[in-house]
N, C-alpha and C. Protein backbone atom coordinates (compact mmCIF):
# COMPACT_ATOMS: atom_id res chain seq x y z
N MET A 1 227.51 110.68 62.11
CA MET A 1 227.48 110.21 60.75
C MET A 1 226.52 109.02 60.66
N LYS A 2 225.70 109.05 59.63
CA LYS A 2 224.78 107.95 59.37
C LYS A 2 225.44 106.95 58.42
N ASN A 3 224.87 105.75 58.33
CA ASN A 3 225.40 104.76 57.39
C ASN A 3 225.38 105.30 55.96
N SER A 4 224.33 106.03 55.60
CA SER A 4 224.24 106.57 54.24
C SER A 4 225.37 107.56 53.97
N GLU A 5 225.74 108.34 54.98
CA GLU A 5 226.86 109.29 54.82
C GLU A 5 228.18 108.54 54.69
N PHE A 6 228.32 107.46 55.46
CA PHE A 6 229.51 106.63 55.36
C PHE A 6 229.69 106.13 53.93
N TRP A 7 228.62 105.55 53.36
CA TRP A 7 228.72 105.01 52.00
C TRP A 7 228.89 106.10 50.96
N ARG A 8 228.30 107.26 51.17
CA ARG A 8 228.51 108.38 50.25
C ARG A 8 229.98 108.79 50.26
N ASN A 9 230.58 108.87 51.45
CA ASN A 9 232.00 109.20 51.56
C ASN A 9 232.86 108.14 50.89
N MET A 10 232.53 106.88 51.13
CA MET A 10 233.30 105.79 50.52
C MET A 10 233.23 105.86 49.00
N ASP A 11 232.02 106.03 48.46
CA ASP A 11 231.86 106.09 47.01
C ASP A 11 232.59 107.29 46.42
N HIS A 12 232.52 108.41 47.09
CA HIS A 12 233.18 109.61 46.59
C HIS A 12 234.70 109.45 46.61
N GLU A 13 235.22 108.89 47.67
CA GLU A 13 236.68 108.78 47.83
C GLU A 13 237.28 107.65 47.00
N PHE A 14 236.60 106.53 46.92
CA PHE A 14 237.19 105.33 46.31
C PHE A 14 236.47 104.84 45.06
N GLY A 15 235.35 105.44 44.71
CA GLY A 15 234.57 104.98 43.57
C GLY A 15 233.53 103.97 44.03
N SER A 16 232.41 103.92 43.32
CA SER A 16 231.28 103.11 43.77
C SER A 16 231.55 101.61 43.77
N ILE A 17 232.39 101.14 42.88
CA ILE A 17 232.68 99.69 42.84
C ILE A 17 233.78 99.34 43.84
N TYR A 18 234.90 100.07 43.77
CA TYR A 18 236.03 99.74 44.65
C TYR A 18 235.68 99.96 46.12
N SER A 19 234.81 100.91 46.42
CA SER A 19 234.47 101.18 47.82
C SER A 19 233.86 99.94 48.48
N ARG A 20 233.05 99.19 47.74
CA ARG A 20 232.43 97.97 48.29
C ARG A 20 233.49 96.88 48.49
N THR A 21 234.40 96.76 47.53
CA THR A 21 235.48 95.78 47.65
C THR A 21 236.36 96.11 48.85
N LEU A 22 236.71 97.38 48.98
CA LEU A 22 237.54 97.82 50.09
C LEU A 22 236.83 97.57 51.42
N ALA A 23 235.57 97.90 51.50
CA ALA A 23 234.80 97.71 52.74
C ALA A 23 234.73 96.24 53.14
N ASP A 24 234.74 95.34 52.17
CA ASP A 24 234.63 93.91 52.45
C ASP A 24 235.98 93.23 52.66
N SER A 25 237.07 93.89 52.27
CA SER A 25 238.36 93.18 52.29
C SER A 25 239.43 93.80 53.18
N LEU A 26 239.35 95.08 53.48
CA LEU A 26 240.39 95.73 54.27
C LEU A 26 240.21 95.43 55.75
N ALA A 27 241.16 94.71 56.34
CA ALA A 27 241.13 94.42 57.77
C ALA A 27 241.62 95.65 58.52
N LEU A 28 240.77 96.19 59.36
CA LEU A 28 241.08 97.41 60.10
C LEU A 28 241.61 97.02 61.48
N THR A 29 242.93 97.10 61.63
CA THR A 29 243.55 96.63 62.87
C THR A 29 243.01 97.33 64.10
N GLU A 30 242.68 98.61 63.99
CA GLU A 30 242.17 99.32 65.16
C GLU A 30 240.73 98.93 65.51
N LEU A 31 240.09 98.19 64.62
CA LEU A 31 238.75 97.66 64.89
C LEU A 31 238.80 96.14 64.99
N GLN A 32 239.83 95.64 65.68
CA GLN A 32 240.00 94.21 65.93
C GLN A 32 240.04 93.40 64.64
N SER A 33 240.65 93.99 63.61
CA SER A 33 240.84 93.36 62.30
C SER A 33 239.54 93.06 61.56
N MET A 34 238.42 93.66 62.00
CA MET A 34 237.19 93.53 61.24
C MET A 34 237.30 94.40 60.00
N ASN A 35 236.59 94.02 58.94
CA ASN A 35 236.49 94.93 57.81
C ASN A 35 235.33 95.90 58.08
N ALA A 36 235.17 96.88 57.23
CA ALA A 36 234.15 97.92 57.46
C ALA A 36 232.75 97.34 57.49
N THR A 37 232.46 96.42 56.59
CA THR A 37 231.13 95.83 56.53
C THR A 37 230.81 95.08 57.82
N GLU A 38 231.78 94.31 58.31
CA GLU A 38 231.59 93.58 59.57
C GLU A 38 231.41 94.54 60.73
N ALA A 39 232.25 95.57 60.78
CA ALA A 39 232.20 96.53 61.89
C ALA A 39 230.84 97.23 61.93
N LEU A 40 230.37 97.68 60.78
CA LEU A 40 229.06 98.34 60.74
C LEU A 40 227.97 97.37 61.18
N GLY A 41 228.06 96.12 60.74
CA GLY A 41 227.08 95.11 61.10
C GLY A 41 227.07 94.80 62.59
N LYS A 42 228.20 95.00 63.24
CA LYS A 42 228.28 94.75 64.69
C LYS A 42 228.01 95.99 65.52
N GLY A 43 227.60 97.07 64.84
CA GLY A 43 227.19 98.26 65.58
C GLY A 43 228.26 99.29 65.83
N VAL A 44 229.44 99.14 65.22
CA VAL A 44 230.46 100.17 65.35
C VAL A 44 229.95 101.41 64.63
N LYS A 45 230.14 102.56 65.23
CA LYS A 45 229.63 103.81 64.66
C LYS A 45 230.27 104.07 63.30
N PRO A 46 229.46 104.48 62.32
CA PRO A 46 230.00 104.74 60.98
C PRO A 46 231.16 105.73 60.97
N ARG A 47 231.12 106.76 61.81
CA ARG A 47 232.23 107.73 61.87
C ARG A 47 233.52 107.04 62.29
N GLU A 48 233.43 106.13 63.27
CA GLU A 48 234.60 105.40 63.75
C GLU A 48 235.18 104.52 62.63
N VAL A 49 234.30 103.87 61.89
CA VAL A 49 234.75 103.01 60.79
C VAL A 49 235.37 103.88 59.69
N TRP A 50 234.72 104.98 59.34
CA TRP A 50 235.23 105.87 58.30
C TRP A 50 236.64 106.38 58.67
N GLU A 51 236.81 106.82 59.91
CA GLU A 51 238.10 107.34 60.33
C GLU A 51 239.17 106.26 60.35
N ALA A 52 238.80 105.03 60.69
CA ALA A 52 239.75 103.92 60.65
C ALA A 52 240.19 103.66 59.21
N ILE A 53 239.26 103.73 58.28
CA ILE A 53 239.61 103.55 56.86
C ILE A 53 240.51 104.69 56.40
N CYS A 54 240.18 105.91 56.79
CA CYS A 54 241.02 107.06 56.40
C CYS A 54 242.45 106.88 56.88
N ARG A 55 242.63 106.43 58.12
CA ARG A 55 243.98 106.22 58.65
C ARG A 55 244.66 105.06 57.92
N ALA A 56 243.94 103.97 57.72
CA ALA A 56 244.53 102.80 57.06
C ALA A 56 244.95 103.09 55.62
N GLN A 57 244.21 103.96 54.96
CA GLN A 57 244.50 104.30 53.56
C GLN A 57 245.35 105.56 53.44
N ASP A 58 245.80 106.10 54.56
CA ASP A 58 246.64 107.30 54.58
C ASP A 58 246.02 108.49 53.85
N LEU A 59 244.72 108.66 54.03
CA LEU A 59 244.07 109.83 53.44
C LEU A 59 244.47 111.07 54.21
N PRO A 60 244.72 112.17 53.52
CA PRO A 60 245.04 113.40 54.24
C PRO A 60 243.84 113.87 55.07
N PRO A 61 244.11 114.42 56.25
CA PRO A 61 243.02 114.81 57.16
C PRO A 61 241.98 115.74 56.53
N GLU A 62 242.37 116.56 55.58
CA GLU A 62 241.40 117.47 54.97
C GLU A 62 240.33 116.72 54.15
N ARG A 63 240.56 115.44 53.85
CA ARG A 63 239.55 114.67 53.11
C ARG A 63 238.71 113.79 54.03
N TRP A 64 238.96 113.84 55.32
CA TRP A 64 238.22 112.99 56.27
C TRP A 64 236.78 113.43 56.45
N LEU A 65 236.46 114.67 56.16
CA LEU A 65 235.09 115.15 56.35
C LEU A 65 234.17 114.76 55.21
N GLY A 66 234.72 114.21 54.15
CA GLY A 66 233.91 113.83 53.01
C GLY A 66 233.68 114.99 52.08
N MET A 67 232.83 114.76 51.10
CA MET A 67 232.58 115.77 50.09
C MET A 67 231.62 116.84 50.58
N ASP A 68 231.77 118.02 50.02
CA ASP A 68 230.84 119.10 50.32
C ASP A 68 229.54 118.85 49.56
N LEU A 69 228.44 119.06 50.23
CA LEU A 69 227.14 118.89 49.60
C LEU A 69 226.49 120.25 49.41
N GLU A 70 225.77 120.38 48.33
CA GLU A 70 225.04 121.62 48.10
C GLU A 70 223.85 121.67 49.05
N ILE A 71 223.60 122.83 49.58
CA ILE A 71 222.42 123.03 50.42
C ILE A 71 221.27 123.35 49.49
N LYS A 72 220.21 122.58 49.60
CA LYS A 72 219.05 122.78 48.73
C LYS A 72 218.09 123.77 49.35
N ASP A 73 217.55 124.62 48.52
CA ASP A 73 216.54 125.57 48.99
C ASP A 73 215.26 124.82 49.36
N PRO A 74 214.57 125.27 50.39
CA PRO A 74 213.34 124.58 50.80
C PRO A 74 212.23 124.69 49.78
């Protein structure tokens, strides 16, 4: 997962405004109580941060993969 995919998932799941607030304020205990923004800044893989948020927010596993994207014709 790339950083852009992480933020796309965050925006889709939590909304574009709340996702930033959540990323800056939610202490993720499994990531040494860093928030998502701090963790990404320290080089934690976006997938690891995303999954920590999913667990912390009790998202059902079927939503952990993020939104389906349309495949564009070349």
